[in-house]
C-alpha atoms as a PDB file:
ATOM      1  CA  MET A   1       0.168   0.202   0.099  1.00  0.00           C
ATOM      2  CA  ALA A   2       1.825   3.521  -1.219  1.00  0.00           C
ATOM      3  CA  ASN A   3       1.262   7.112   0.520  1.00  0.00           C
ATOM      4  CA  PRO A   4       1.924   9.689  -1.322  1.00  0.00           C
ATOM      5  CA  ASP A   5       2.746  11.830   1.523  1.00  0.00           C
ATOM      6  CA  HIS A   6       5.587   9.366   1.676  1.00  0.00           C
ATOM      7  CA  GLY A   7       7.032   9.409  -1.838  1.00  0.00           C
ATOM      8  CA  VAL A   8       7.467   5.873  -3.127  1.00  0.00           C
ATOM      9  CA  SER A   9       7.598   4.350   0.496  1.00  0.00           C
ATOM     10  CA  ARG A  10       5.814   1.885   1.088  1.00  0.00           C
ATOM     11  CA  VAL A  11       3.697   1.815   4.220  1.00  0.00           C
ATOM     12  CA  VAL A  12       4.043  -1.225   6.607  1.00  0.00           C
ATOM     13  CA  HIS A  13       2.961  -2.252  10.274  1.00  0.00           C
ATOM     14  CA  HIS A  14       5.470  -1.893  13.072  1.00  0.00           C
ATOM     15  CA  LYS A  15       7.152  -4.648  13.788  1.00  0.00           C
ATOM     16  CA  ASP A  16       6.661  -4.140  17.574  1.00  0.00           C
ATOM     17  CA  PHE A  17       3.486  -2.112  18.098  1.00  0.00           C
ATOM     18  CA  TYR A  18       1.051  -3.129  15.348  1.00  0.00           C
ATOM     19  CA  LEU A  19      -0.782  -4.747  18.376  1.00  0.00           C
ATOM     20  CA  ARG A  20      -3.335  -7.479  17.189  1.00  0.00           C
ATOM     21  CA  GLY A  21      -5.984  -6.236  20.487  1.00  0.00           C
ATOM     22  CA  GLY A  22      -5.600  -2.317  19.960  1.00  0.00           C
ATOM     23  CA  ASP A  23      -8.561  -0.251  18.889  1.00  0.00           C
ATOM     24  CA  MET A  24      -6.824   2.786  16.878  1.00  0.00           C
ATOM     25  CA  THR A  25      -4.408   2.774  14.028  1.00  0.00           C
ATOM     26  CA  VAL A  26      -1.876   5.697  13.871  1.00  0.00           C
ATOM     27  CA  LEU A  27       0.317   6.243  10.790  1.00  0.00           C
ATOM     28  CA  VAL A  28       3.952   7.974  11.675  1.00  0.00           C
ATOM     29  CA  GLU A  29       6.202   8.405   8.555  1.00  0.00           C
ATOM     30  CA  ASN A  30       5.772   5.296   6.679  1.00  0.00           C
ATOM     31  CA  HIS A  31       5.181   3.017   9.814  1.00  0.00           C
ATOM     32  CA  LEU A  32       1.168   1.808  11.013  1.00  0.00           C
ATOM     33  CA  TYR A  33       0.887   1.341  14.567  1.00  0.00           C
ATOM     34  CA  ARG A  34      -2.345  -0.151  15.984  1.00  0.00           C
ATOM     35  CA  ILE A  35      -2.433   0.694  19.664  1.00  0.00           C
ATOM     36  CA  HIS A  36      -4.791   1.093  22.724  1.00  0.00           C
ATOM     37  CA  SER A  37      -6.495   4.826  22.569  1.00  0.00           C
ATOM     38  CA  TYR A  38      -6.930   4.165  26.711  1.00  0.00           C
ATOM     39  CA  PHE A  39      -3.722   5.097  27.442  1.00  0.00           C
ATOM     40  CA  PHE A  40      -3.841   8.168  25.160  1.00  0.00           C
ATOM     41  CA  GLU A  41      -7.404   9.476  26.344  1.00  0.00           C
ATOM     42  CA  ARG A  42      -6.601   8.757  29.636  1.00  0.00           C
ATOM     43  CA  GLU A  43      -3.316  10.842  30.136  1.00  0.00           C
ATOM     44  CA  SER A  44      -3.360  13.499  27.524  1.00  0.00           C
ATOM     45  CA  LEU A  45      -5.135  16.667  27.087  1.00  0.00           C
ATOM     46  CA  PHE A  46      -4.146  16.915  23.206  1.00  0.00           C
ATOM     47  CA  PHE A  47      -5.491  13.496  22.540  1.00  0.00           C
ATOM     48  CA  ARG A  48      -8.712  13.787  24.180  1.00  0.00           C
ATOM     49  CA  GLN A  49      -9.716  16.542  22.187  1.00  0.00           C
ATOM     50  CA  LYS A  50      -8.218  14.890  18.978  1.00  0.00           C
ATOM     51  CA  LEU A  51     -10.380  11.592  19.731  1.00  0.00           C
ATOM     52  CA  VAL A  52     -13.308  12.928  21.660  1.00  0.00           C
ATOM     53  CA  GLY A  53     -13.461  15.878  19.658  1.00  0.00           C
ATOM     54  CA  SER A  54     -13.612  14.139  15.982  1.00  0.00           C
ATOM     55  CA  ASN A  55     -16.152  14.165  13.831  1.00  0.00           C
ATOM     56  CA  ASP A  56     -15.476  10.988  12.061  1.00  0.00           C
ATOM     57  CA  GLU A  57     -16.551   8.285  14.468  1.00  0.00           C
ATOM     58  CA  ASP A  58     -14.716   5.633  12.184  1.00  0.00           C
ATOM     59  CA  ARG A  59     -11.160   7.651  12.445  1.00  0.00           C
ATOM     60  CA  GLY A  60      -8.429   5.540  13.411  1.00  0.00           C
ATOM     61  CA  SER A  61     -10.237   2.310  13.168  1.00  0.00           C
ATOM     62  CA  THR A  62      -8.589   0.845  10.039  1.00  0.00           C
ATOM     63  CA  ASP A  63      -5.431   1.253   8.395  1.00  0.00           C
ATOM     64  CA  THR A  64      -6.887   2.876   5.604  1.00  0.00           C
ATOM     65  CA  ASN A  65      -8.580   5.537   7.995  1.00  0.00           C
ATOM     66  CA  ALA A  66      -5.627   6.124  10.481  1.00  0.00           C
ATOM     67  CA  TYR A  67      -4.788   8.754  12.563  1.00  0.00           C
ATOM     68  CA  THR A  68      -1.625  10.787  10.945  1.00  0.00           C
ATOM     69  CA  LEU A  69       0.873  12.347  13.188  1.00  0.00           C
ATOM     70  CA  ASP A  70       2.634  15.220  11.392  1.00  0.00           C
ATOM     71  CA  ASP A  71       6.312  16.217  12.385  1.00  0.00           C
ATOM     72  CA  VAL A  72       7.101  12.826  14.399  1.00  0.00           C
ATOM     73  CA  LYS A  73       9.887  10.632  13.265  1.00  0.00           C
ATOM     74  CA  SER A  74       8.502   6.770  13.487  1.00  0.00           C
ATOM     75  CA  GLU A  75      11.326   6.320  15.964  1.00  0.00           C
ATOM     76  CA  ASP A  76      10.669   8.507  18.495  1.00  0.00           C
ATOM     77  CA  PHE A  77       6.967   7.599  18.747  1.00  0.00           C
ATOM     78  CA  ALA A  78       8.223   4.062  19.135  1.00  0.00           C
ATOM     79  CA  ARG A  79      10.231   5.094  22.182  1.00  0.00           C
ATOM     80  CA  PHE A  80       7.201   6.943  23.461  1.00  0.00           C
ATOM     81  CA  LEU A  81       4.968   3.756  23.453  1.00  0.00           C
ATOM     82  CA  TRP A  82       7.519   1.626  25.286  1.00  0.00           C
ATOM     83  CA  VAL A  83       6.523   3.795  28.184  1.00  0.00           C
ATOM     84  CA  PHE A  84       3.128   2.054  27.916  1.00  0.00           C
ATOM     85  CA  TYR A  85       4.323  -1.158  26.886  1.00  0.00           C
ATOM     86  CA  ASN A  86       7.389  -1.921  28.627  1.00  0.00           C
ATOM     87  CA  PRO A  87       7.624  -5.387  29.193  1.00  0.00           C
ATOM     88  CA  LYS A  88       9.388  -4.545  32.636  1.00  0.00           C
ATOM     89  CA  TYR A  89       7.099  -3.378  34.980  1.00  0.00           C
ATOM     90  CA  SER A  90       8.490  -0.153  36.470  1.00  0.00           C
ATOM     91  CA  VAL A  91      11.885  -0.385  35.382  1.00  0.00           C
ATOM     92  CA  TYR A  92      12.747   2.273  33.021  1.00  0.00           C
ATOM     93  CA  GLU A  93      16.174   1.889  32.102  1.00  0.00           C
ATOM     94  CA  ALA A  94      17.162   3.151  28.531  1.00  0.00           C
ATOM     95  CA  PRO A  95      20.034   5.463  27.132  1.00  0.00           C
ATOM     96  CA  LEU A  96      19.651   9.193  27.282  1.00  0.00           C
ATOM     97  CA  ASP A  97      18.572   9.943  23.726  1.00  0.00           C
ATOM     98  CA  THR A  98      15.568   7.642  24.240  1.00  0.00           C
ATOM     99  CA  TRP A  99      14.703   9.648  27.472  1.00  0.00           C
ATOM    100  CA  LEU A 100      14.963  12.997  25.228  1.00  0.00           C
ATOM    101  CA  SER A 101      12.851  11.552  22.372  1.00  0.00           C
ATOM    102  CA  ILE A 102      10.102  10.755  24.977  1.00  0.00           C
ATOM    103  CA  LEU A 103       9.982  13.981  27.120  1.00  0.00           C
ATOM    104  CA  LYS A 104       9.693  16.300  24.081  1.00  0.00           C
ATOM    105  CA  LEU A 105       6.529  14.271  22.534  1.00  0.00           C
ATOM    106  CA  ALA A 106       5.213  14.003  26.127  1.00  0.00           C
ATOM    107  CA  ASN A 107       5.730  17.624  26.768  1.00  0.00           C
ATOM    108  CA  ARG A 108       4.159  18.507  23.383  1.00  0.00           C
ATOM    109  CA  TRP A 109       1.053  16.210  23.568  1.00  0.00           C
ATOM    110  CA  SER A 110       0.768  17.350  27.420  1.00  0.00           C
ATOM    111  CA  PHE A 111       1.460  13.948  28.913  1.00  0.00           C
ATOM    112  CA  ASP A 112       2.112  14.982  32.584  1.00  0.00           C
ATOM    113  CA  ASN A 113       2.713  11.756  34.113  1.00  0.00           C
ATOM    114  CA  VAL A 114       5.437  10.968  31.351  1.00  0.00           C
ATOM    115  CA  LYS A 115       7.236  13.819  32.241  1.00  0.00           C
ATOM    116  CA  GLU A 116       7.440  13.171  35.661  1.00  0.00           C
ATOM    117  CA  LEU A 117       8.943   9.961  35.650  1.00  0.00           C
ATOM    118  CA  SER A 118      12.595   9.636  37.338  1.00  0.00           C
ATOM    119  CA  LEU A 119      15.295   9.521  35.270  1.00  0.00           C
ATOM    120  CA  ASP A 120      18.467   8.046  36.269  1.00  0.00           C
ATOM    121  CA  ILE A 121      20.702  10.911  35.308  1.00  0.00           C
ATOM    122  CA  GLU A 122      22.291  13.732  37.236  1.00  0.00           C
ATOM    123  CA  PRO A 123      20.522  16.304  38.556  1.00  0.00           C
ATOM    124  CA  VAL A 124      22.119  19.105  36.787  1.00  0.00           C
ATOM    125  CA  GLU A 125      21.986  16.922  33.897  1.00  0.00           C
ATOM    126  CA  LYS A 126      18.149  16.618  34.255  1.00  0.00           C
ATOM    127  CA  ILE A 127      17.692  20.580  34.892  1.00  0.00           C
ATOM    128  CA  ALA A 128      19.286  21.559  32.015  1.00  0.00           C
ATOM    129  CA  ILE A 129      17.422  19.002  29.674  1.00  0.00           C
ATOM    130  CA  TYR A 130      14.118  19.800  31.260  1.00  0.00           C
ATOM    131  CA  HIS A 131      15.035  23.685  30.630  1.00  0.00           C
ATOM    132  CA  ASP A 132      16.042  23.220  26.989  1.00  0.00           C
ATOM    133  CA  ASN A 133      12.606  21.728  26.182  1.00  0.00           C
ATOM    134  CA  THR A 134      10.729  24.259  28.281  1.00  0.00           C
ATOM    135  CA  ILE A 135       9.018  21.800  30.532  1.00  0.00           C
ATOM    136  CA  SER A 136       7.597  22.970  34.183  1.00  0.00           C
ATOM    137  CA  ARG A 137      10.567  23.665  36.625  1.00  0.00           C
ATOM    138  CA  LEU A 138       7.747  21.940  39.036  1.00  0.00           C
ATOM    139  CA  TYR A 139       9.070  18.412  37.924  1.00  0.00           C
ATOM    140  CA  LEU A 140      12.572  19.282  38.933  1.00  0.00           C
ATOM    141  CA  LEU A 141      11.698  19.932  42.491  1.00  0.00           C
ATOM    142  CA  PRO A 142      13.795  16.941  44.087  1.00  0.00           C
ATOM    143  CA  SER A 143      16.535  17.580  41.250  1.00  0.00           C
ATOM    144  CA  TYR A 144      17.048  21.412  42.912  1.00  0.00           C
ATOM    145  CA  VAL A 145      16.854  20.008  46.239  1.00  0.00           C
ATOM    146  CA  ALA A 146      19.466  17.368  45.665  1.00  0.00           C
ATOM    147  CA  VAL A 147      21.852  20.399  43.962  1.00  0.00           C
ATOM    148  CA  CYS A 148      20.863  22.604  47.022  1.00  0.00           C
ATOM    149  CA  LYS A 149      21.677  20.070  49.605  1.00  0.00           C
ATOM    150  CA  ARG A 150      25.113  18.645  48.212  1.00  0.00           C
ATOM    151  CA  ASP A 151      28.390  19.744  49.673  1.00  0.00           C
ATOM    152  CA  LYS A 152      30.008  20.979  46.555  1.00  0.00           C
ATOM    153  CA  PRO A 153      29.238  24.100  45.073  1.00  0.00           C
ATOM    154  CA  LEU A 154      28.372  24.272  41.468  1.00  0.00           C
ATOM    155  CA  SER A 155      31.547  23.816  38.969  1.00  0.00           C
ATOM    156  CA  PHE A 156      31.957  26.409  36.136  1.00  0.00           C
ATOM    157  CA  THR A 157      30.687  23.777  33.417  1.00  0.00           C
ATOM    158  CA  GLU A 158      27.858  22.935  35.149  1.00  0.00           C
ATOM    159  CA  GLY A 159      27.100  26.899  35.497  1.00  0.00           C
ATOM    160  CA  MET A 160      27.338  27.185  31.731  1.00  0.00           C
ATOM    161  CA  LYS A 161      24.737  24.339  31.398  1.00  0.00           C
ATOM    162  CA  LEU A 162      22.322  25.679  33.758  1.00  0.00           C
ATOM    163  CA  GLY A 163      22.251  29.135  32.871  1.00  0.00           C
ATOM    164  CA  MET A 164      23.030  32.175  35.076  1.00  0.00           C
ATOM    165  CA  GLU A 165      19.285  32.843  36.077  1.00  0.00           C
ATOM    166  CA  THR A 166      19.344  29.072  37.399  1.00  0.00           C
ATOM    167  CA  VAL A 167      22.762  29.310  39.205  1.00  0.00           C
ATOM    168  CA  LEU A 168      21.908  32.425  40.916  1.00  0.00           C
ATOM    169  CA  ARG A 169      18.563  30.704  42.364  1.00  0.00           C
ATOM    170  CA  ILE A 170      20.323  27.999  43.490  1.00  0.00           C
ATOM    171  CA  ALA A 171      22.906  30.219  45.154  1.00  0.00           C
ATOM    172  CA  ASP A 172      20.248  32.167  46.907  1.00  0.00           C
ATOM    173  CA  ALA A 173      18.499  28.597  47.983  1.00  0.00           C
ATOM    174  CA  ARG A 174      21.758  27.457  49.531  1.00  0.00           C
ATOM    175  CA  GLU A 175      22.533  30.571  51.429  1.00  0.00           C
ATOM    176  CA  ARG A 176      18.891  30.453  53.010  1.00  0.00           C
ATOM    177  CA  VAL A 177      19.434  27.178  54.242  1.00  0.00           C
ATOM    178  CA  ARG A 178      22.716  28.303  55.717  1.00  0.00           C
ATOM    179  CA  GLN A 179      21.411  31.222  57.265  1.00  0.00           C
ATOM    180  CA  HIS A 180      18.364  29.036  58.500  1.00  0.00           C
ATOM    181  CA  ALA A 181      20.797  26.600  60.413  1.00  0.00           C
ATOM    182  CA  SER A 182      22.730  29.271  62.038  1.00  0.00           C
ATOM    183  CA  GLU A 183      19.270  30.717  63.209  1.00  0.00           C
ATOM    184  CA  SER A 184      18.532  27.411  64.470  1.00  0.00           C
ATOM    185  CA  GLY A 185      21.526  27.463  66.510  1.00  0.00           C
ATOM    186  CA  ILE A 186      23.451  24.561  64.809  1.00  0.00           C
ATOM    187  CA  ARG A 187      27.132  26.144  64.740  1.00  0.00           C
ATOM    188  CA  THR A 188      28.869  23.672  62.159  1.00  0.00           C
ATOM    189  CA  PRO A 189      25.441  22.752  60.421  1.00  0.00           C
ATOM    190  CA  THR A 190      25.919  20.606  56.939  1.00  0.00           C
ATOM    191  CA  PHE A 191      23.287  20.332  54.212  1.00  0.00           C
ATOM    192  CA  GLU A 192      22.148  17.046  55.366  1.00  0.00           C
ATOM    193  CA  ASP A 193      21.068  18.413  58.494  1.00  0.00           C
ATOM    194  CA  PHE A 194      18.074  19.495  56.628  1.00  0.00           C
ATOM    195  CA  GLU A 195      15.326  17.623  55.897  1.00  0.00           C
ATOM    196  CA  ASP A 196      14.240  17.326  51.711  1.00  0.00           C
ATOM    197  CA  SER A 197      10.797  18.844  52.644  1.00  0.00           C
ATOM    198  CA  GLU A 198      12.517  22.074  54.682  1.00  0.00           C
ATOM    199  CA  VAL A 199      14.456  22.815  51.736  1.00  0.00           C
ATOM    200  CA  GLU A 200      11.864  22.181  49.320  1.00  0.00           C
ATOM    201  CA  LEU A 201       9.849  25.155  51.075  1.00  0.00           C
ATOM    202  CA  LEU A 202      12.718  27.106  50.484  1.00  0.00           C
ATOM    203  CA  VAL A 203      13.380  26.107  46.662  1.00  0.00           C
ATOM    204  CA  ARG A 204       9.375  26.759  46.031  1.00  0.00           C
ATOM    205  CA  GLU A 205      10.303  30.486  47.579  1.00  0.00           C
ATOM    206  CA  VAL A 206      12.931  30.874  45.482  1.00  0.00           C
ATOM    207  CA  PHE A 207      11.983  29.569  42.154  1.00  0.00           C
ATOM    208  CA  GLY A 208       8.452  30.833  42.686  1.00  0.00           C
ATOM    209  CA  LEU A 209       6.896  27.614  42.203  1.00  0.00           C
ATOM    210  CA  GLY A 210       3.245  26.488  43.070  1.00  0.00           C
ATOM    211  CA  SER A 211       1.780  23.297  43.138  1.00  0.00           C
ATOM    212  CA  ARG A 212       2.393  20.473  40.444  1.00  0.00           C
ATOM    213  CA  PRO A 213       0.147  20.247  37.486  1.00  0.00           C
ATOM    214  CA  ALA A 214      -2.167  17.506  37.428  1.00  0.00           C
ATOM    215  CA  SER A 215      -3.086  15.311  34.402  1.00  0.00           C
ATOM    216  CA  PRO A 216      -6.766  15.939  32.895  1.00  0.00           C
ATOM    217  CA  THR A 217      -9.398  13.629  34.636  1.00  0.00           C
ATOM    218  CA  PRO A 218     -11.737  11.843  32.118  1.00  0.00           C
ATOM    219  CA  PRO A 219     -15.354  12.737  32.988  1.00  0.00           C
ATOM    220  CA  THR A 220     -17.506  10.276  35.044  1.00  0.00           C
ATOM    221  CA  ALA A 221     -20.859   8.565  34.840  1.00  0.00           C
ATOM    222  CA  SER A 222     -22.277  11.138  37.578  1.00  0.00           C
ATOM    223  CA  ASP A 223     -20.754  14.115  35.904  1.00  0.00           C
ATOM    224  CA  GLN A 224     -22.453  13.051  32.393  1.00  0.00           C
ATOM    225  CA  ARG A 225     -25.641  12.193  34.541  1.00  0.00           C
ATOM    226  CA  ALA A 226     -25.483  15.846  36.107  1.00  0.00           C
ATOM    227  CA  THR A 227     -25.828  17.794  32.685  1.00  0.00           C
ATOM    228  CA  PRO A 228     -28.156  14.948  30.160  1.00  0.00           C
ATOM    229  CA  THR A 229     -28.803  17.878  27.987  1.00  0.00           C
ATOM    230  CA  SER A 230     -25.494  19.384  27.188  1.00  0.00           C
ATOM    231  CA  THR A 231     -22.190  18.247  25.741  1.00  0.00           C
ATOM    232  CA  VAL A 232     -18.982  20.289  27.336  1.00  0.00           C
ATOM    233  CA  LYS A 233     -15.952  20.217  25.090  1.00  0.00           C
ATOM    234  CA  LEU A 234     -12.359  19.435  26.846  1.00  0.00           C
ATOM    235  CA  GLY A 235     -10.469  22.672  26.553  1.00  0.00           C
ATOM    236  CA  ASN A 236     -13.862  24.844  26.679  1.00  0.00           C
ATOM    237  CA  PRO A 237     -14.943  25.124  30.421  1.00  0.00           C
ATOM    238  CA  PRO A 238     -18.449  26.017  31.367  1.00  0.00           C
ATOM    239  CA  LYS A 239     -18.618  30.032  31.771  1.00  0.00           C
ATOM    240  CA  GLY A 240     -19.414  31.186  35.241  1.00  0.00           C
ATOM    241  CA  ASN A 241     -17.548  31.199  38.669  1.00  0.00           C
ATOM    242  CA  THR A 242     -20.030  27.983  39.926  1.00  0.00           C
ATOM    243  CA  PRO A 243     -18.115  24.776  39.247  1.00  0.00           C
ATOM    244  CA  PHE A 244     -19.906  21.558  39.115  1.00  0.00           C
ATOM    245  CA  ALA A 245     -19.158  20.211  42.258  1.00  0.00           C
ATOM    246  CA  PRO A 246     -21.187  17.630  44.396  1.00  0.00           C
ATOM    247  CA  ARG A 247     -23.377  18.954  46.979  1.00  0.00           C
ATOM    248  CA  SER A 248     -24.121  16.897  50.333  1.00  0.00           C
ATOM    249  CA  ASN A 249     -27.513  15.955  48.879  1.00  0.00           C
ATOM    250  CA  GLY A 250     -26.287  14.215  46.059  1.00  0.00           C
ATOM    251  CA  GLY A 251     -26.967  16.984  43.719  1.00  0.00           C
ATOM    252  CA  SER A 252     -24.860  19.371  42.054  1.00  0.00           C
ATOM    253  CA  ALA A 253     -24.409  23.168  42.073  1.00  0.00           C
ATOM    254  CA  ALA A 254     -25.362  23.006  38.375  1.00  0.00           C
ATOM    255  CA  GLY A 255     -28.612  21.347  39.357  1.00  0.00           C
ATOM    256  CA  ALA A 256     -29.461  23.756  41.693  1.00  0.00           C
ATOM    257  CA  ALA A 257     -28.968  27.035  39.721  1.00  0.00           C
ATOM    258  CA  THR A 258     -31.139  24.923  36.985  1.00  0.00           C
ATOM    259  CA  ARG A 259     -33.779  24.509  39.444  1.00  0.00           C
ATOM    260  CA  SER A 260     -33.382  28.217  40.804  1.00  0.00           C
ATOM    261  CA  THR A 261     -33.934  29.492  37.230  1.00  0.00           C
ATOM    262  CA  ILE A 262     -37.046  27.374  36.499  1.00  0.00           C
ATOM    263  CA  ASP A 263     -38.700  28.540  40.038  1.00  0.00           C
ATOM    264  CA  THR A 264     -37.737  32.099  38.783  1.00  0.00           C
ATOM    265  CA  MET A 265     -39.644  31.443  35.247  1.00  0.00           C
ATOM    266  CA  ARG A 266     -42.641  30.019  36.924  1.00  0.00           C
ATOM    267  CA  SER A 267     -43.154  33.036  38.878  1.00  0.00           C
ATOM    268  CA  ILE A 268     -42.808  35.227  36.351  1.00  0.00           C
ATOM    269  CA  THR A 269     -45.289  33.176  34.175  1.00  0.00           C
ATOM    270  CA  PHE A 270     -47.573  33.344  37.089  1.00  0.00           C
ATOM    271  CA  LEU A 271     -47.605  37.096  37.434  1.00  0.00           C
ATOM    272  CA  HIS A 272     -48.283  37.785  33.791  1.00  0.00           C
ATOM    273  CA  VAL A 273     -51.260  35.494  34.104  1.00  0.00           C
ATOM    274  CA  HIS A 274     -52.387  37.402  36.961  1.00  0.00           C
ATOM    275  CA  GLN A 275     -51.955  40.661  35.231  1.00  0.00           C
ATOM    276  CA  HIS A 276     -53.851  39.382  32.232  1.00  0.00           C
ATOM    277  CA  LEU A 277     -56.968  38.284  34.669  1.00  0.00           C
ATOM    278  CA  GLN A 278     -57.119  41.882  36.610  1.00  0.00           C
ATOM    279  CA  GLN A 279     -57.111  43.501  33.524  1.00  0.00           C
ATOM    280  CA  GLN A 280     -60.100  41.741  32.011  1.00  0.00           C
ATOM    281  CA  ARG A 281     -62.060  42.451  35.183  1.00  0.00           C
ATOM    282  CA  GLY A 282     -61.268  46.016  35.209  1.00  0.00           C
ATOM    283  CA  THR A 283     -58.883  46.302  37.641  1.00  0.00           C
ATOM    284  CA  THR A 284     -55.081  47.484  37.716  1.00  0.00           C
ATOM    285  CA  PRO A 285     -52.796  45.274  40.093  1.00  0.00           C
ATOM    286  CA  LEU A 286     -50.670  47.264  42.032  1.00  0.00           C
ATOM    287  CA  PRO A 287     -47.045  46.703  42.896  1.00  0.00           C
ATOM    288  CA  PRO A 288     -46.334  43.802  45.541  1.00  0.00           C
ATOM    289  CA  GLY A 289     -45.798  45.193  48.817  1.00  0.00           C
ATOM    290  CA  PRO A 290     -47.665  46.347  52.101  1.00  0.00           C
ATOM    291  CA  ALA A 291     -49.314  48.784  49.884  1.00  0.00           C
ATOM    292  CA  GLY A 292     -50.360  46.677  47.064  1.00  0.00           C
ATOM    293  CA  SER A 293     -51.072  43.234  49.509  1.00  0.00           C
ATOM    294  CA  THR A 294     -54.185  41.332  48.532  1.00  0.00           C
ATOM    295  CA  THR A 295     -57.177  40.877  50.524  1.00  0.00           C
ATOM    296  CA  GLY A 296     -59.224  37.392  50.406  1.00  0.00           C
ATOM    297  CA  SER A 297     -61.514  38.417  47.515  1.00  0.00           C
ATOM    298  CA  GLY A 298     -58.800  39.260  44.865  1.00  0.00           C
ATOM    299  CA  GLN A 299     -58.832  42.890  45.263  1.00  0.00           C
ATOM    300  CA  THR A 300     -56.132  45.153  46.691  1.00  0.00           C
ATOM    301  CA  LYS A 301     -57.083  47.167  49.626  1.00  0.00           C
ATOM    302  CA  GLY A 302     -56.324  50.175  48.127  1.00  0.00           C
ATOM    303  CA  GLN A 303     -58.905  49.344  45.406  1.00  0.00           C
ATOM    304  CA  GLY A 304     -61.456  48.169  47.989  1.00  0.00           C
ATOM    305  CA  GLN A 305     -61.488  51.504  49.431  1.00  0.00           C
ATOM    306  CA  ARG A 306     -61.981  53.082  46.294  1.00  0.00           C
ATOM    307  CA  ASP A 307     -64.902  51.031  45.265  1.00  0.00           C
ATOM    308  CA  SER A 308     -66.674  51.638  48.701  1.00  0.00           C
ATOM    309  CA  SER A 309     -66.012  55.399  48.686  1.00  0.00           C
ATOM    310  CA  SER A 310     -67.187  55.484  44.988  1.00  0.00           C
ATOM    311  CA  GLY A 311     -70.624  53.491  46.398  1.00  0.00           C
ATOM    312  CA  ASN A 312     -71.325  55.652  49.073  1.00  0.00           C
ATOM    313  CA  LYS A 313     -71.406  58.721  46.710  1.00  0.00           C
END
């Protein structure tokens, strides 16, 4: 089977990742991959939008209707799939260039859990790699802590890898650790005297880091029951400040807002009908309130007084 996008190259099944039980076919260069969409829909916001938002329900179901990933090398995609189909459970040992391929695709497609995998490389090297690939510094907290707690300062070569800003921030964090030690009454402190959690707090402050980003959570069945008549696409959250938070009675904030709107519409409709009946009877309803409170006969007090005075005349 030839493909015009790849010249005369013949499209073939990938030798390792054309899986019999897969439910999604992906074309990368001249290789067809048959994989499980579950991992991609669960872990990646990018692929959730691509898969859920597709108008073609049959897309990716066959070799002739495969998803196409542009600007991706087949070798890099195979390396990335190894993370999910690793035959050695929880053992992720691979050369540095393999991890570089994985990190680039994980960052491009927002696989946050993959970016968080612990690479068996030196902390300084890991910091430099993540910075070069513009990956959030939140994933580097253990590496920052390790560099701040080590006895020897950064070397000239390490400083060139990290850049001036990172070097200055690390120096600031190390100095704060020493200052904290002196304030605690330790005469000859070492960096080992401090817990990682204490140093992490200082690192967060120096680098201005907040909470770690979380992977997107797929919608649950209860979320779908809460809004049966609306479809919310990923990446486009509903407007307003009221989230779909569960309530103590088993309902939701969205359901409470809907019930309130319905009650308001019923009140408005009742008021219009009441005004229409009053106009047919030749009376004009007064605004609600003490001056316009109704009597048992359906007339207002002010209207009843006018009628009685006209009868006396």
